[in-house]
């Protein structure tokens, strides 16, 4: 009888430890998350070439061309105006909506 009771207690203890271990593995889901940094869209008329490379379709060369065009012709009134830069299409500028802005 004593052995049966001890075996039952050990079984319950083992089950509790297994459950605690499982909760430990999923604990990050329960922990409070740090708030994400506020996203600020790139300002096409002030961003550096390096910052502009974060936009879809813009590599270092196209970003540098955009900055050079902006320096020669002034700031862009709208994102669509950036399509005047060689290698940048109107379709590409449409994909930047929400990621970039011309009038910051």
N, C-alpha and C. Protein backbone atom coordinates (compact mmCIF):
# COMPACT_ATOMS: atom_id res chain seq x y z
N UNK A 1 0.82 -1.18 0.00
CA UNK A 1 0.00 0.00 0.00
C UNK A 1 0.87 1.26 0.00
N UNK A 2 1.88 1.26 0.85
CA UNK A 2 2.81 2.39 0.94
C UNK A 2 3.52 2.59 -0.40
N UNK A 3 3.92 1.51 -1.02
CA UNK A 3 4.63 1.58 -2.30
C UNK A 3 3.70 2.10 -3.40
N UNK A 4 2.46 1.70 -3.39
CA UNK A 4 1.49 2.16 -4.38
C UNK A 4 1.26 3.66 -4.24
N UNK A 5 1.16 4.12 -3.00
CA UNK A 5 0.95 5.55 -2.76
C UNK A 5 2.18 6.35 -3.21
N UNK A 6 3.36 5.85 -2.91
CA UNK A 6 4.60 6.52 -3.29
C UNK A 6 4.70 6.58 -4.82
N UNK A 7 4.34 5.49 -5.49
CA UNK A 7 4.37 5.44 -6.95
C UNK A 7 3.37 6.45 -7.54
N UNK A 8 2.21 6.58 -6.94
CA UNK A 8 1.20 7.54 -7.40
C UNK A 8 1.71 8.97 -7.23
N UNK A 9 2.34 9.26 -6.10
CA UNK A 9 2.88 10.60 -5.84
C UNK A 9 3.99 10.91 -6.85
N UNK A 10 4.86 9.97 -7.08
CA UNK A 10 5.95 10.18 -8.04
C UNK A 10 5.41 10.37 -9.46
N UNK A 11 4.36 9.65 -9.80
CA UNK A 11 3.75 9.80 -11.13
C UNK A 11 3.14 11.19 -11.28
N UNK A 12 2.44 11.66 -10.27
CA UNK A 12 1.86 13.00 -10.31
C UNK A 12 2.96 14.05 -10.37
N UNK A 13 4.01 13.87 -9.58
CA UNK A 13 5.13 14.80 -9.59
C UNK A 13 5.79 14.85 -10.97
N UNK A 14 5.97 13.69 -11.59
CA UNK A 14 6.56 13.63 -12.93
C UNK A 14 5.67 14.35 -13.94
N UNK A 15 4.36 14.16 -13.82
CA UNK A 15 3.43 14.83 -14.74
C UNK A 15 3.49 16.35 -14.57
N UNK A 16 3.60 16.81 -13.32
CA UNK A 16 3.69 18.25 -13.05
C UNK A 16 4.99 18.81 -13.64
N UNK A 17 6.08 18.09 -13.47
CA UNK A 17 7.37 18.55 -14.02
C UNK A 17 7.34 18.59 -15.54
N UNK A 18 6.72 17.61 -16.17
CA UNK A 18 6.60 17.60 -17.63
C UNK A 18 5.76 18.78 -18.09
N UNK A 19 4.66 19.03 -17.41
CA UNK A 19 3.80 20.16 -17.76
C UNK A 19 4.54 21.49 -17.56
N UNK A 20 5.28 21.61 -16.48
CA UNK A 20 6.06 22.83 -16.23
C UNK A 20 7.10 23.02 -17.31
N UNK A 21 7.75 21.95 -17.73
CA UNK A 21 8.73 22.03 -18.79
C UNK A 21 8.11 22.47 -20.11
N UNK A 22 6.92 21.94 -20.39
CA UNK A 22 6.23 22.34 -21.62
C UNK A 22 5.86 23.82 -21.56
N UNK A 23 5.41 24.30 -20.40
CA UNK A 23 5.08 25.72 -20.26
C UNK A 23 6.32 26.59 -20.40
N UNK A 24 7.43 26.09 -19.93
CA UNK A 24 8.68 26.84 -20.07
C UNK A 24 9.04 27.03 -21.53
N UNK A 25 8.78 26.01 -22.33
CA UNK A 25 9.11 26.10 -23.75
C UNK A 25 8.23 27.10 -24.49
N UNK A 26 6.99 27.25 -24.05
CA UNK A 26 6.11 28.20 -24.73
C UNK A 26 6.00 29.53 -23.97
N UNK A 27 6.80 29.71 -22.95
CA UNK A 27 6.73 30.91 -22.11
C UNK A 27 6.85 32.21 -22.90
N UNK A 28 7.69 32.30 -23.95
CA UNK A 28 7.77 33.58 -24.66
C UNK A 28 6.42 34.06 -25.19
N UNK A 29 5.49 33.14 -25.43
CA UNK A 29 4.17 33.54 -25.89
C UNK A 29 3.44 34.28 -24.77
N UNK A 30 3.68 33.89 -23.53
CA UNK A 30 2.99 34.49 -22.41
C UNK A 30 3.68 35.75 -21.89
N UNK A 31 4.94 35.91 -22.19
CA UNK A 31 5.67 37.06 -21.66
C UNK A 31 5.26 38.32 -22.40
N UNK A 32 5.22 39.43 -21.68
CA UNK A 32 4.86 40.68 -22.37
C UNK A 32 5.93 41.03 -23.40
N UNK A 33 5.47 41.45 -24.54
CA UNK A 33 6.38 41.81 -25.62
C UNK A 33 6.71 43.29 -25.56
N UNK A 34 7.95 43.61 -25.94
CA UNK A 34 8.32 45.02 -26.04
C UNK A 34 7.62 45.60 -27.26
N UNK A 35 7.15 46.82 -27.18
CA UNK A 35 6.49 47.40 -28.34
C UNK A 35 7.49 47.57 -29.48
N UNK A 36 7.03 47.36 -30.68
CA UNK A 36 7.88 47.51 -31.85
C UNK A 36 8.21 48.99 -32.04
N UNK A 37 9.34 49.24 -32.61
CA UNK A 37 9.72 50.62 -32.89
C UNK A 37 8.74 51.21 -33.90
N UNK A 38 8.43 52.46 -33.74
CA UNK A 38 7.52 53.11 -34.66
C UNK A 38 8.15 53.18 -36.04
N UNK A 39 7.40 52.78 -37.06
CA UNK A 39 7.92 52.82 -38.42
C UNK A 39 7.68 54.20 -39.00
N UNK A 40 8.72 54.77 -39.51
CA UNK A 40 8.62 56.08 -40.15
C UNK A 40 8.92 55.89 -41.63
N UNK A 41 7.98 56.23 -42.49
CA UNK A 41 8.23 56.07 -43.92
C UNK A 41 9.41 56.91 -44.38
N UNK A 42 10.11 56.42 -45.39
CA UNK A 42 11.25 57.16 -45.94
C UNK A 42 10.72 58.41 -46.63
N UNK A 43 11.35 59.52 -46.38
CA UNK A 43 11.00 60.77 -47.06
C UNK A 43 11.86 60.85 -48.32
N UNK A 44 11.25 60.64 -49.47
CA UNK A 44 11.99 60.55 -50.72
C UNK A 44 12.76 61.84 -51.00
N UNK A 45 12.29 62.96 -50.53
CA UNK A 45 12.98 64.22 -50.83
C UNK A 45 14.11 64.54 -49.85
N UNK A 46 14.29 63.74 -48.79
CA UNK A 46 15.40 64.01 -47.86
C UNK A 46 16.24 62.78 -47.54
N UNK A 47 15.77 61.59 -47.89
CA UNK A 47 16.47 60.36 -47.53
C UNK A 47 17.79 60.23 -48.28
N UNK A 48 18.74 59.59 -47.63
CA UNK A 48 20.02 59.30 -48.28
C UNK A 48 19.84 58.10 -49.21
N UNK A 49 20.82 57.89 -50.07
CA UNK A 49 20.77 56.75 -50.98
C UNK A 49 20.71 55.45 -50.20
N UNK A 50 21.43 55.37 -49.11
CA UNK A 50 21.43 54.16 -48.28
C UNK A 50 20.04 53.89 -47.70
N UNK A 51 19.37 54.94 -47.24
CA UNK A 51 18.02 54.78 -46.70
C UNK A 51 17.03 54.38 -47.78
N UNK A 52 17.22 54.89 -48.98
CA UNK A 52 16.31 54.60 -50.08
C UNK A 52 16.41 53.16 -50.56
N UNK A 53 17.53 52.51 -50.32
CA UNK A 53 17.67 51.11 -50.76
C UNK A 53 16.73 50.18 -50.03
N UNK A 54 16.07 50.65 -48.97
CA UNK A 54 15.09 49.83 -48.25
C UNK A 54 13.79 49.72 -49.04
N UNK A 55 13.61 50.57 -50.03
CA UNK A 55 12.38 50.53 -50.84
C UNK A 55 12.45 49.42 -51.88
N UNK A 56 11.31 48.79 -52.18
CA UNK A 56 11.30 47.71 -53.17
C UNK A 56 11.78 48.17 -54.53
N UNK A 57 12.69 47.42 -55.11
CA UNK A 57 13.19 47.71 -56.45
C UNK A 57 14.35 48.68 -56.51
N UNK A 58 14.74 49.25 -55.37
CA UNK A 58 15.83 50.22 -55.37
C UNK A 58 17.10 49.60 -54.80
N UNK A 59 18.07 49.46 -55.66
CA UNK A 59 19.39 49.05 -55.21
C UNK A 59 20.25 50.28 -55.03
N UNK A 60 21.52 50.09 -54.75
CA UNK A 60 22.40 51.25 -54.54
C UNK A 60 22.50 52.17 -55.75
N UNK A 61 22.51 51.60 -56.96
CA UNK A 61 22.66 52.45 -58.16
C UNK A 61 21.42 53.30 -58.40
N UNK A 62 20.25 52.68 -58.33
CA UNK A 62 19.02 53.45 -58.57
C UNK A 62 18.80 54.46 -57.46
N UNK A 63 19.14 54.12 -56.24
CA UNK A 63 18.99 55.05 -55.13
C UNK A 63 19.92 56.25 -55.32
N UNK A 64 21.15 55.98 -55.76
CA UNK A 64 22.09 57.08 -56.02
C UNK A 64 21.59 57.95 -57.17
N UNK A 65 21.00 57.34 -58.19
CA UNK A 65 20.44 58.10 -59.31
C UNK A 65 19.28 58.97 -58.84
N UNK A 66 18.47 58.45 -57.96
CA UNK A 66 17.34 59.21 -57.42
C UNK A 66 17.84 60.42 -56.63
N UNK A 67 18.87 60.21 -55.81
CA UNK A 67 19.42 61.32 -55.02
C UNK A 67 20.06 62.37 -55.95
N UNK A 68 20.77 61.92 -56.98
CA UNK A 68 21.39 62.86 -57.93
C UNK A 68 20.33 63.65 -58.69
N UNK A 69 19.27 62.98 -59.11
CA UNK A 69 18.18 63.67 -59.81
C UNK A 69 17.53 64.70 -58.89
N UNK A 70 17.32 64.31 -57.64
CA UNK A 70 16.70 65.21 -56.67
C UNK A 70 17.58 66.43 -56.44
N UNK A 71 18.89 66.23 -56.38
CA UNK A 71 19.82 67.36 -56.19
C UNK A 71 19.80 68.31 -57.38
N UNK A 72 19.65 67.75 -58.59
CA UNK A 72 19.66 68.58 -59.79
C UNK A 72 18.32 69.26 -60.05
N UNK A 73 17.22 68.61 -59.71
CA UNK A 73 15.89 69.12 -60.08
C UNK A 73 15.02 69.54 -58.91
N UNK A 74 15.48 69.37 -57.69
CA UNK A 74 14.69 69.75 -56.53
C UNK A 74 13.87 68.59 -55.99
N UNK A 75 13.18 68.82 -54.87
CA UNK A 75 12.43 67.72 -54.23
C UNK A 75 11.24 67.27 -55.08
N UNK A 76 10.82 66.04 -54.84
CA UNK A 76 9.68 65.47 -55.54
C UNK A 76 8.40 65.92 -54.86
N UNK A 77 7.42 66.34 -55.64
CA UNK A 77 6.13 66.74 -55.09
C UNK A 77 5.30 65.51 -54.73
N UNK A 78 5.41 64.47 -55.53
CA UNK A 78 4.69 63.22 -55.27
C UNK A 78 5.64 62.06 -55.53
N UNK A 79 5.26 60.88 -55.08
CA UNK A 79 6.08 59.69 -55.35
C UNK A 79 6.14 59.42 -56.84
N UNK A 80 5.07 59.69 -57.54
CA UNK A 80 5.03 59.44 -58.99
C UNK A 80 6.08 60.28 -59.72
N UNK A 81 6.44 61.44 -59.19
CA UNK A 81 7.46 62.29 -59.82
C UNK A 81 8.82 61.59 -59.87
N UNK A 82 9.05 60.66 -58.97
CA UNK A 82 10.33 59.93 -58.96
C UNK A 82 10.47 59.03 -60.17
N UNK A 83 9.37 58.78 -60.88
CA UNK A 83 9.42 57.94 -62.08
C UNK A 83 10.17 58.64 -63.22
N UNK A 84 10.45 59.92 -63.07
CA UNK A 84 11.22 60.64 -64.08
C UNK A 84 12.69 60.24 -64.06
N UNK A 85 13.12 59.60 -62.98
CA UNK A 85 14.51 59.15 -62.86
C UNK A 85 14.69 57.90 -63.71
N UNK A 86 15.77 57.86 -64.48
CA UNK A 86 16.04 56.71 -65.34
C UNK A 86 16.18 55.44 -64.49
N UNK A 87 15.44 54.40 -64.89
CA UNK A 87 15.49 53.14 -64.18
C UNK A 87 14.41 52.97 -63.12
N UNK A 88 13.62 54.03 -62.90
CA UNK A 88 12.53 53.96 -61.92
C UNK A 88 11.22 54.14 -62.67
N UNK A 89 10.34 53.18 -62.52
CA UNK A 89 9.07 53.22 -63.24
C UNK A 89 7.95 53.72 -62.33
N UNK A 90 6.86 54.10 -62.97
CA UNK A 90 5.69 54.52 -62.22
C UNK A 90 5.16 53.36 -61.38
N UNK A 91 5.22 52.16 -61.94
CA UNK A 91 4.77 50.98 -61.20
C UNK A 91 5.62 50.78 -59.93
N UNK A 92 6.92 51.04 -60.04
CA UNK A 92 7.81 50.90 -58.89
C UNK A 92 7.43 51.93 -57.82
N UNK A 93 7.16 53.15 -58.23
CA UNK A 93 6.81 54.18 -57.25
C UNK A 93 5.47 53.86 -56.59
N UNK A 94 4.57 53.20 -57.32
CA UNK A 94 3.29 52.80 -56.73
C UNK A 94 3.48 51.76 -55.63
N UNK A 95 4.53 50.94 -55.75
CA UNK A 95 4.80 49.92 -54.73
C UNK A 95 5.39 50.55 -53.45
N UNK A 96 5.76 51.80 -53.52
CA UNK A 96 6.33 52.47 -52.36
C UNK A 96 5.26 53.13 -51.47
N UNK A 97 4.02 53.11 -51.89
CA UNK A 97 2.95 53.76 -51.12
C UNK A 97 2.91 53.10 -49.73
N UNK A 98 2.97 53.92 -48.71
CA UNK A 98 2.99 53.44 -47.34
C UNK A 98 4.39 53.23 -46.81
N UNK A 99 5.35 53.05 -47.71
CA UNK A 99 6.75 52.86 -47.31
C UNK A 99 7.56 54.14 -47.47
N UNK A 100 7.07 55.02 -48.33
CA UNK A 100 7.79 56.27 -48.59
C UNK A 100 6.77 57.38 -48.78
N UNK A 101 7.25 58.58 -48.64
CA UNK A 101 6.39 59.74 -48.85
C UNK A 101 7.21 60.84 -49.48
N UNK A 102 6.59 61.65 -50.30
CA UNK A 102 7.30 62.73 -50.97
C UNK A 102 7.17 64.04 -50.21
N UNK A 103 6.14 64.19 -49.43
CA UNK A 103 5.87 65.48 -48.78
C UNK A 103 5.95 65.37 -47.27
N UNK A 104 7.09 65.01 -46.75
CA UNK A 104 7.27 64.93 -45.28
C UNK A 104 7.61 66.26 -44.74
